[in-house]
């Protein structure tokens, strides 16, 4: 019984450390910055209607990529993606 409580305490401590780590808050900050930049990049690329964006986490960074589709040409998506990387 004591070992079970010790193990639960250890797991809880590890989860708390992961959730409260600085990396989590930096990812949140990156995500917010990209979300605020996205409408400007869409406008600069001439995207005026609805669009799709894939949001992924690569090697410690948040990446958002405009996807070509209905109303968004390959060229517009490429221009918007270049803007997001700038």
PDB file of N, CA and C in Angstrom:
ATOM      1  N   UNK A   1       0.826  -1.188   0.000  1.00  0.00           N
ATOM      2  CA  UNK A   1       0.000   0.000   0.000  1.00  0.00           C
ATOM      3  C   UNK A   1       0.876   1.260   0.000  1.00  0.00           C
ATOM      4  N   UNK A   2       1.933   1.296   0.779  1.00  0.00           N
ATOM      5  CA  UNK A   2       2.813   2.450   0.849  1.00  0.00           C
ATOM      6  C   UNK A   2       3.525   2.666  -0.479  1.00  0.00           C
ATOM      7  N   UNK A   3       3.968   1.575  -1.113  1.00  0.00           N
ATOM      8  CA  UNK A   3       4.641   1.684  -2.409  1.00  0.00           C
ATOM      9  C   UNK A   3       3.708   2.284  -3.457  1.00  0.00           C
ATOM     10  N   UNK A   4       2.437   1.899  -3.421  1.00  0.00           N
ATOM     11  CA  UNK A   4       1.461   2.407  -4.378  1.00  0.00           C
ATOM     12  C   UNK A   4       1.336   3.935  -4.245  1.00  0.00           C
ATOM     13  N   UNK A   5       1.238   4.434  -3.044  1.00  0.00           N
ATOM     14  CA  UNK A   5       1.130   5.874  -2.823  1.00  0.00           C
ATOM     15  C   UNK A   5       2.406   6.599  -3.235  1.00  0.00           C
ATOM     16  N   UNK A   6       3.562   5.957  -2.964  1.00  0.00           N
ATOM     17  CA  UNK A   6       4.833   6.536  -3.374  1.00  0.00           C
ATOM     18  C   UNK A   6       4.902   6.653  -4.897  1.00  0.00           C
ATOM     19  N   UNK A   7       4.498   5.590  -5.589  1.00  0.00           N
ATOM     20  CA  UNK A   7       4.510   5.585  -7.058  1.00  0.00           C
ATOM     21  C   UNK A   7       3.559   6.652  -7.606  1.00  0.00           C
ATOM     22  N   UNK A   8       2.386   6.772  -7.024  1.00  0.00           N
ATOM     23  CA  UNK A   8       1.426   7.794  -7.465  1.00  0.00           C
ATOM     24  C   UNK A   8       1.985   9.194  -7.249  1.00  0.00           C
ATOM     25  N   UNK A   9       2.649   9.394  -6.127  1.00  0.00           N
ATOM     26  CA  UNK A   9       3.262  10.692  -5.847  1.00  0.00           C
ATOM     27  C   UNK A   9       4.367  11.011  -6.832  1.00  0.00           C
ATOM     28  N   UNK A  10       5.146  10.017  -7.188  1.00  0.00           N
ATOM     29  CA  UNK A  10       6.223  10.190  -8.154  1.00  0.00           C
ATOM     30  C   UNK A  10       5.676  10.554  -9.530  1.00  0.00           C
ATOM     31  N   UNK A  11       4.640   9.846  -9.969  1.00  0.00           N
ATOM     32  CA  UNK A  11       4.017  10.126 -11.264  1.00  0.00           C
ATOM     33  C   UNK A  11       3.410  11.527 -11.269  1.00  0.00           C
ATOM     34  N   UNK A  12       2.718  11.883 -10.200  1.00  0.00           N
ATOM     35  CA  UNK A  12       2.102  13.209 -10.104  1.00  0.00           C
ATOM     36  C   UNK A  12       3.156  14.304 -10.153  1.00  0.00           C
ATOM     37  N   UNK A  13       4.269  14.103  -9.474  1.00  0.00           N
ATOM     38  CA  UNK A  13       5.348  15.095  -9.484  1.00  0.00           C
ATOM     39  C   UNK A  13       5.945  15.251 -10.869  1.00  0.00           C
ATOM     40  N   UNK A  14       6.118  14.138 -11.569  1.00  0.00           N
ATOM     41  CA  UNK A  14       6.680  14.187 -12.920  1.00  0.00           C
ATOM     42  C   UNK A  14       5.745  14.918 -13.872  1.00  0.00           C
ATOM     43  N   UNK A  15       4.453  14.640 -13.783  1.00  0.00           N
ATOM     44  CA  UNK A  15       3.486  15.326 -14.645  1.00  0.00           C
ATOM     45  C   UNK A  15       3.436  16.820 -14.350  1.00  0.00           C
ATOM     46  N   UNK A  16       3.485  17.175 -13.091  1.00  0.00           N
ATOM     47  CA  UNK A  16       3.473  18.587 -12.710  1.00  0.00           C
ATOM     48  C   UNK A  16       4.700  19.298 -13.272  1.00  0.00           C
ATOM     49  N   UNK A  17       5.849  18.645 -13.198  1.00  0.00           N
ATOM     50  CA  UNK A  17       7.075  19.255 -13.719  1.00  0.00           C
ATOM     51  C   UNK A  17       6.981  19.453 -15.227  1.00  0.00           C
ATOM     52  N   UNK A  18       6.416  18.490 -15.941  1.00  0.00           N
ATOM     53  CA  UNK A  18       6.287  18.615 -17.402  1.00  0.00           C
ATOM     54  C   UNK A  18       5.343  19.742 -17.782  1.00  0.00           C
ATOM     55  N   UNK A  19       4.204  19.801 -17.110  1.00  0.00           N
ATOM     56  CA  UNK A  19       3.198  20.801 -17.450  1.00  0.00           C
ATOM     57  C   UNK A  19       3.670  22.206 -17.118  1.00  0.00           C
ATOM     58  N   UNK A  20       4.418  22.361 -16.037  1.00  0.00           N
ATOM     59  CA  UNK A  20       4.829  23.698 -15.618  1.00  0.00           C
ATOM     60  C   UNK A  20       6.200  24.092 -16.156  1.00  0.00           C
ATOM     61  N   UNK A  21       6.766  23.283 -17.048  1.00  0.00           N
ATOM     62  CA  UNK A  21       8.093  23.613 -17.575  1.00  0.00           C
ATOM     63  C   UNK A  21       8.023  24.836 -18.471  1.00  0.00           C
ATOM     64  N   UNK A  22       9.141  25.496 -18.653  1.00  0.00           N
ATOM     65  CA  UNK A  22       9.208  26.684 -19.494  1.00  0.00           C
ATOM     66  C   UNK A  22       8.889  26.395 -20.941  1.00  0.00           C
ATOM     67  N   UNK A  23       9.178  25.183 -21.420  1.00  0.00           N
ATOM     68  CA  UNK A  23       8.928  24.851 -22.820  1.00  0.00           C
ATOM     69  C   UNK A  23       7.448  24.969 -23.146  1.00  0.00           C
ATOM     70  N   UNK A  24       6.607  24.536 -22.237  1.00  0.00           N
ATOM     71  CA  UNK A  24       5.165  24.607 -22.443  1.00  0.00           C
ATOM     72  C   UNK A  24       4.714  26.046 -22.639  1.00  0.00           C
ATOM     73  N   UNK A  25       5.222  26.962 -21.840  1.00  0.00           N
ATOM     74  CA  UNK A  25       4.822  28.355 -21.964  1.00  0.00           C
ATOM     75  C   UNK A  25       5.412  28.994 -23.219  1.00  0.00           C
ATOM     76  N   UNK A  26       6.603  28.557 -23.636  1.00  0.00           N
ATOM     77  CA  UNK A  26       7.169  29.124 -24.857  1.00  0.00           C
ATOM     78  C   UNK A  26       6.393  28.649 -26.083  1.00  0.00           C
ATOM     79  N   UNK A  27       5.930  27.404 -26.066  1.00  0.00           N
ATOM     80  CA  UNK A  27       5.100  26.901 -27.168  1.00  0.00           C
ATOM     81  C   UNK A  27       3.810  27.693 -27.232  1.00  0.00           C
ATOM     82  N   UNK A  28       3.215  27.964 -26.086  1.00  0.00           N
ATOM     83  CA  UNK A  28       1.990  28.751 -26.037  1.00  0.00           C
ATOM     84  C   UNK A  28       2.229  30.153 -26.592  1.00  0.00           C
ATOM     85  N   UNK A  29       3.348  30.751 -26.263  1.00  0.00           N
ATOM     86  CA  UNK A  29       3.683  32.087 -26.770  1.00  0.00           C
ATOM     87  C   UNK A  29       3.885  32.062 -28.282  1.00  0.00           C
ATOM     88  N   UNK A  30       4.588  31.028 -28.775  1.00  0.00           N
ATOM     89  CA  UNK A  30       4.790  30.901 -30.227  1.00  0.00           C
ATOM     90  C   UNK A  30       3.458  30.753 -30.941  1.00  0.00           C
ATOM     91  N   UNK A  31       2.594  29.923 -30.381  1.00  0.00           N
ATOM     92  CA  UNK A  31       1.294  29.669 -30.994  1.00  0.00           C
ATOM     93  C   UNK A  31       0.479  30.960 -31.074  1.00  0.00           C
ATOM     94  N   UNK A  32       0.473  31.729 -30.003  1.00  0.00           N
ATOM     95  CA  UNK A  32      -0.260  32.996 -29.990  1.00  0.00           C
ATOM     96  C   UNK A  32       0.319  33.978 -31.008  1.00  0.00           C
ATOM     97  N   UNK A  33       1.636  34.043 -31.107  1.00  0.00           N
ATOM     98  CA  UNK A  33       2.276  34.947 -32.067  1.00  0.00           C
ATOM     99  C   UNK A  33       1.928  34.555 -33.504  1.00  0.00           C
ATOM    100  N   UNK A  34       1.962  33.261 -33.799  1.00  0.00           N
ATOM    101  CA  UNK A  34       1.621  32.801 -35.148  1.00  0.00           C
ATOM    102  C   UNK A  34       0.153  33.070 -35.468  1.00  0.00           C
ATOM    103  N   UNK A  35      -0.716  32.866 -34.495  1.00  0.00           N
ATOM    104  CA  UNK A  35      -2.140  33.132 -34.724  1.00  0.00           C
ATOM    105  C   UNK A  35      -2.403  34.597 -35.017  1.00  0.00           C
ATOM    106  N   UNK A  36      -1.659  35.483 -34.391  1.00  0.00           N
ATOM    107  CA  UNK A  36      -1.865  36.908 -34.657  1.00  0.00           C
ATOM    108  C   UNK A  36      -1.252  37.314 -35.998  1.00  0.00           C
ATOM    109  N   UNK A  37      -0.236  36.599 -36.443  1.00  0.00           N
ATOM    110  CA  UNK A  37       0.433  36.899 -37.716  1.00  0.00           C
ATOM    111  C   UNK A  37      -0.322  36.329 -38.919  1.00  0.00           C
ATOM    112  N   UNK A  38      -1.045  35.245 -38.702  1.00  0.00           N
ATOM    113  CA  UNK A  38      -1.713  34.525 -39.786  1.00  0.00           C
ATOM    114  C   UNK A  38      -2.640  35.395 -40.644  1.00  0.00           C
ATOM    115  N   UNK A  39      -3.542  36.208 -40.074  1.00  0.00           N
ATOM    116  CA  UNK A  39      -4.427  37.023 -40.921  1.00  0.00           C
ATOM    117  C   UNK A  39      -3.660  38.018 -41.801  1.00  0.00           C
ATOM    118  N   UNK A  40      -2.571  38.574 -41.274  1.00  0.00           N
ATOM    119  CA  UNK A  40      -1.754  39.507 -42.056  1.00  0.00           C
ATOM    120  C   UNK A  40      -1.115  38.798 -43.247  1.00  0.00           C
ATOM    121  N   UNK A  41      -0.620  37.587 -43.022  1.00  0.00           N
ATOM    122  CA  UNK A  41       0.024  36.826 -44.097  1.00  0.00           C
ATOM    123  C   UNK A  41      -0.998  36.384 -45.145  1.00  0.00           C
ATOM    124  N   UNK A  42      -2.184  36.026 -44.703  1.00  0.00           N
ATOM    125  CA  UNK A  42      -3.242  35.652 -45.652  1.00  0.00           C
ATOM    126  C   UNK A  42      -3.583  36.842 -46.542  1.00  0.00           C
ATOM    127  N   UNK A  43      -3.729  38.001 -45.947  1.00  0.00           N
ATOM    128  CA  UNK A  43      -4.056  39.212 -46.700  1.00  0.00           C
ATOM    129  C   UNK A  43      -2.940  39.562 -47.677  1.00  0.00           C
ATOM    130  N   UNK A  44      -1.686  39.475 -47.215  1.00  0.00           N
ATOM    131  CA  UNK A  44      -0.541  39.799 -48.070  1.00  0.00           C
ATOM    132  C   UNK A  44      -0.444  38.848 -49.266  1.00  0.00           C
ATOM    133  N   UNK A  45      -0.939  37.621 -49.096  1.00  0.00           N
ATOM    134  CA  UNK A  45      -0.892  36.628 -50.176  1.00  0.00           C
ATOM    135  C   UNK A  45      -2.113  36.715 -51.081  1.00  0.00           C
ATOM    136  N   UNK A  46      -3.032  37.618 -50.761  1.00  0.00           N
ATOM    137  CA  UNK A  46      -4.232  37.773 -51.581  1.00  0.00           C
ATOM    138  C   UNK A  46      -5.323  36.765 -51.273  1.00  0.00           C
ATOM    139  N   UNK A  47      -5.239  36.137 -50.133  1.00  0.00           N
ATOM    140  CA  UNK A  47      -6.275  35.182 -49.716  1.00  0.00           C
ATOM    141  C   UNK A  47      -7.384  35.975 -49.049  1.00  0.00           C
ATOM    142  N   UNK A  48      -8.568  35.946 -49.647  1.00  0.00           N
ATOM    143  CA  UNK A  48      -9.672  36.765 -49.140  1.00  0.00           C
ATOM    144  C   UNK A  48     -10.797  35.949 -48.518  1.00  0.00           C
ATOM    145  N   UNK A  49     -10.823  34.678 -48.790  1.00  0.00           N
ATOM    146  CA  UNK A  49     -11.890  33.825 -48.262  1.00  0.00           C
ATOM    147  C   UNK A  49     -11.370  32.868 -47.219  1.00  0.00           C
ATOM    148  N   UNK A  50     -12.147  31.840 -46.933  1.00  0.00           N
ATOM    149  CA  UNK A  50     -11.714  30.838 -45.955  1.00  0.00           C
ATOM    150  C   UNK A  50     -10.454  30.109 -46.414  1.00  0.00           C
ATOM    151  N   UNK A  51      -9.664  29.673 -45.472  1.00  0.00           N
ATOM    152  CA  UNK A  51      -8.438  28.937 -45.780  1.00  0.00           C
ATOM    153  C   UNK A  51      -8.171  27.924 -44.670  1.00  0.00           C
ATOM    154  N   UNK A  52      -7.327  26.955 -44.987  1.00  0.00           N
ATOM    155  CA  UNK A  52      -6.944  25.925 -44.016  1.00  0.00           C
ATOM    156  C   UNK A  52      -5.482  26.108 -43.636  1.00  0.00           C
ATOM    157  N   UNK A  53      -5.204  25.931 -42.358  1.00  0.00           N
ATOM    158  CA  UNK A  53      -3.838  26.022 -41.854  1.00  0.00           C
ATOM    159  C   UNK A  53      -3.572  24.780 -40.999  1.00  0.00           C
ATOM    160  N   UNK A  54      -2.456  24.130 -41.254  1.00  0.00           N
ATOM    161  CA  UNK A  54      -2.032  23.003 -40.421  1.00  0.00           C
ATOM    162  C   UNK A  54      -1.081  23.546 -39.356  1.00  0.00           C
ATOM    163  N   UNK A  55      -1.334  23.201 -38.114  1.00  0.00           N
ATOM    164  CA  UNK A  55      -0.472  23.618 -37.010  1.00  0.00           C
ATOM    165  C   UNK A  55       0.211  22.371 -36.462  1.00  0.00           C
ATOM    166  N   UNK A  56       1.546  22.404 -36.432  1.00  0.00           N
ATOM    167  CA  UNK A  56       2.313  21.253 -35.978  1.00  0.00           C
ATOM    168  C   UNK A  56       3.438  21.714 -35.067  1.00  0.00           C
ATOM    169  N   UNK A  57       3.992  20.758 -34.365  1.00  0.00           N
ATOM    170  CA  UNK A  57       5.091  21.015 -33.433  1.00  0.00           C
ATOM    171  C   UNK A  57       6.303  20.245 -33.935  1.00  0.00           C
ATOM    172  N   UNK A  58       7.343  20.969 -34.362  1.00  0.00           N
ATOM    173  CA  UNK A  58       8.558  20.364 -34.892  1.00  0.00           C
ATOM    174  C   UNK A  58       9.772  20.827 -34.106  1.00  0.00           C
ATOM    175  N   UNK A  59      10.504  19.891 -33.560  1.00  0.00           N
ATOM    176  CA  UNK A  59      11.785  20.185 -32.923  1.00  0.00           C
ATOM    177  C   UNK A  59      11.777  21.361 -31.973  1.00  0.00           C
ATOM    178  N   UNK A  60      10.751  21.488 -31.180  1.00  0.00           N
ATOM    179  CA  UNK A  60      10.701  22.555 -30.198  1.00  0.00           C
ATOM    180  C   UNK A  60      10.052  23.834 -30.679  1.00  0.00           C
ATOM    181  N   UNK A  61       9.516  23.836 -31.887  1.00  0.00           N
ATOM    182  CA  UNK A  61       8.876  25.040 -32.422  1.00  0.00           C
ATOM    183  C   UNK A  61       7.491  24.721 -32.978  1.00  0.00           C
ATOM    184  N   UNK A  62       6.614  25.684 -32.869  1.00  0.00           N
ATOM    185  CA  UNK A  62       5.286  25.572 -33.455  1.00  0.00           C
ATOM    186  C   UNK A  62       5.363  26.082 -34.884  1.00  0.00           C
ATOM    187  N   UNK A  63       4.770  25.336 -35.821  1.00  0.00           N
ATOM    188  CA  UNK A  63       4.788  25.702 -37.235  1.00  0.00           C
ATOM    189  C   UNK A  63       3.354  25.709 -37.750  1.00  0.00           C
ATOM    190  N   UNK A  64       2.972  26.763 -38.436  1.00  0.00           N
ATOM    191  CA  UNK A  64       1.665  26.827 -39.086  1.00  0.00           C
ATOM    192  C   UNK A  64       1.890  26.960 -40.583  1.00  0.00           C
ATOM    193  N   UNK A  65       1.181  26.126 -41.353  1.00  0.00           N
ATOM    194  CA  UNK A  65       1.372  26.072 -42.790  1.00  0.00           C
ATOM    195  C   UNK A  65       0.032  26.263 -43.490  1.00  0.00           C
ATOM    196  N   UNK A  66      -0.028  27.249 -44.381  1.00  0.00           N
ATOM    197  CA  UNK A  66      -1.216  27.440 -45.213  1.00  0.00           C
ATOM    198  C   UNK A  66      -1.285  26.293 -46.211  1.00  0.00           C
ATOM    199  N   UNK A  67      -2.467  25.751 -46.398  1.00  0.00           N
ATOM    200  CA  UNK A  67      -2.654  24.644 -47.322  1.00  0.00           C
ATOM    201  C   UNK A  67      -3.460  25.105 -48.537  1.00  0.00           C
ATOM    202  N   UNK A  68      -3.000  24.769 -49.741  1.00  0.00           N
ATOM    203  CA  UNK A  68      -3.785  25.103 -50.928  1.00  0.00           C
ATOM    204  C   UNK A  68      -5.087  24.306 -50.917  1.00  0.00           C
ATOM    205  N   UNK A  69      -6.101  24.885 -51.474  1.00  0.00           N
ATOM    206  CA  UNK A  69      -7.408  24.220 -51.512  1.00  0.00           C
ATOM    207  C   UNK A  69      -8.419  25.138 -52.158  1.00  0.00           C
ATOM    208  N   UNK A  70      -9.696  24.890 -51.903  1.00  0.00           N
ATOM    209  CA  UNK A  70     -10.729  25.750 -52.492  1.00  0.00           C
ATOM    210  C   UNK A  70     -10.504  27.220 -52.134  1.00  0.00           C
ATOM    211  N   UNK A  71     -10.309  28.043 -53.146  1.00  0.00           N
ATOM    212  CA  UNK A  71     -10.114  29.476 -52.933  1.00  0.00           C
ATOM    213  C   UNK A  71      -8.691  29.879 -52.589  1.00  0.00           C
ATOM    214  N   UNK A  72      -7.767  28.909 -52.475  1.00  0.00           N
ATOM    215  CA  UNK A  72      -6.365  29.218 -52.155  1.00  0.00           C
ATOM    216  C   UNK A  72      -5.475  28.457 -53.144  1.00  0.00           C
ATOM    217  N   UNK A  73      -4.794  29.213 -54.007  1.00  0.00           N
ATOM    218  CA  UNK A  73      -3.922  28.585 -55.001  1.00  0.00           C
ATOM    219  C   UNK A  73      -2.601  28.155 -54.361  1.00  0.00           C
ATOM    220  N   UNK A  74      -1.853  27.347 -55.094  1.00  0.00           N
ATOM    221  CA  UNK A  74      -0.516  26.936 -54.638  1.00  0.00           C
ATOM    222  C   UNK A  74       0.361  28.161 -54.414  1.00  0.00           C
ATOM    223  N   UNK A  75       0.279  29.119 -55.346  1.00  0.00           N
ATOM    224  CA  UNK A  75       1.110  30.332 -55.258  1.00  0.00           C
ATOM    225  C   UNK A  75       0.732  31.167 -54.027  1.00  0.00           C
ATOM    226  N   UNK A  76      -0.561  31.286 -53.753  1.00  0.00           N
ATOM    227  CA  UNK A  76      -0.992  32.044 -52.580  1.00  0.00           C
ATOM    228  C   UNK A  76      -0.536  31.365 -51.297  1.00  0.00           C
ATOM    229  N   UNK A  77      -0.666  30.045 -51.246  1.00  0.00           N
ATOM    230  CA  UNK A  77      -0.236  29.303 -50.054  1.00  0.00           C
ATOM    231  C   UNK A  77       1.273  29.466 -49.855  1.00  0.00           C
ATOM    232  N   UNK A  78       2.030  29.381 -50.935  1.00  0.00           N
ATOM    233  CA  UNK A  78       3.488  29.548 -50.830  1.00  0.00           C
ATOM    234  C   UNK A  78       3.855  30.941 -50.350  1.00  0.00           C
ATOM    235  N   UNK A  79       3.169  31.953 -50.852  1.00  0.00           N
ATOM    236  CA  UNK A  79       3.456  33.337 -50.442  1.00  0.00           C
ATOM    237  C   UNK A  79       3.089  33.544 -48.956  1.00  0.00           C
ATOM    238  N   UNK A  80       1.955  32.999 -48.542  1.00  0.00           N
ATOM    239  CA  UNK A  80       1.550  33.119 -47.143  1.00  0.00           C
ATOM    240  C   UNK A  80       2.516  32.360 -46.233  1.00  0.00           C
ATOM    241  N   UNK A  81       2.982  31.202 -46.669  1.00  0.00           N
ATOM    242  CA  UNK A  81       3.933  30.430 -45.868  1.00  0.00           C
ATOM    243  C   UNK A  81       5.276  31.138 -45.738  1.00  0.00           C
ATOM    244  N   UNK A  82       5.702  31.785 -46.801  1.00  0.00           N
ATOM    245  CA  UNK A  82       6.942  32.565 -46.747  1.00  0.00           C
ATOM    246  C   UNK A  82       6.800  33.701 -45.743  1.00  0.00           C
ATOM    247  N   UNK A  83       5.639  34.330 -45.740  1.00  0.00           N
ATOM    248  CA  UNK A  83       5.359  35.417 -44.790  1.00  0.00           C
ATOM    249  C   UNK A  83       5.387  34.890 -43.353  1.00  0.00           C
ATOM    250  N   UNK A  84       4.832  33.700 -43.117  1.00  0.00           N
ATOM    251  CA  UNK A  84       4.803  33.143 -41.767  1.00  0.00           C
ATOM    252  C   UNK A  84       6.210  32.831 -41.265  1.00  0.00           C
ATOM    253  N   UNK A  85       7.114  32.485 -42.169  1.00  0.00           N
ATOM    254  CA  UNK A  85       8.495  32.153 -41.782  1.00  0.00           C
ATOM    255  C   UNK A  85       9.340  33.389 -41.549  1.00  0.00           C
ATOM    256  N   UNK A  86       8.906  34.519 -42.108  1.00  0.00           N
ATOM    257  CA  UNK A  86       9.694  35.761 -42.010  1.00  0.00           C
ATOM    258  C   UNK A  86       9.646  36.345 -40.623  1.00  0.00           C
TER     259      UNK A  86
END
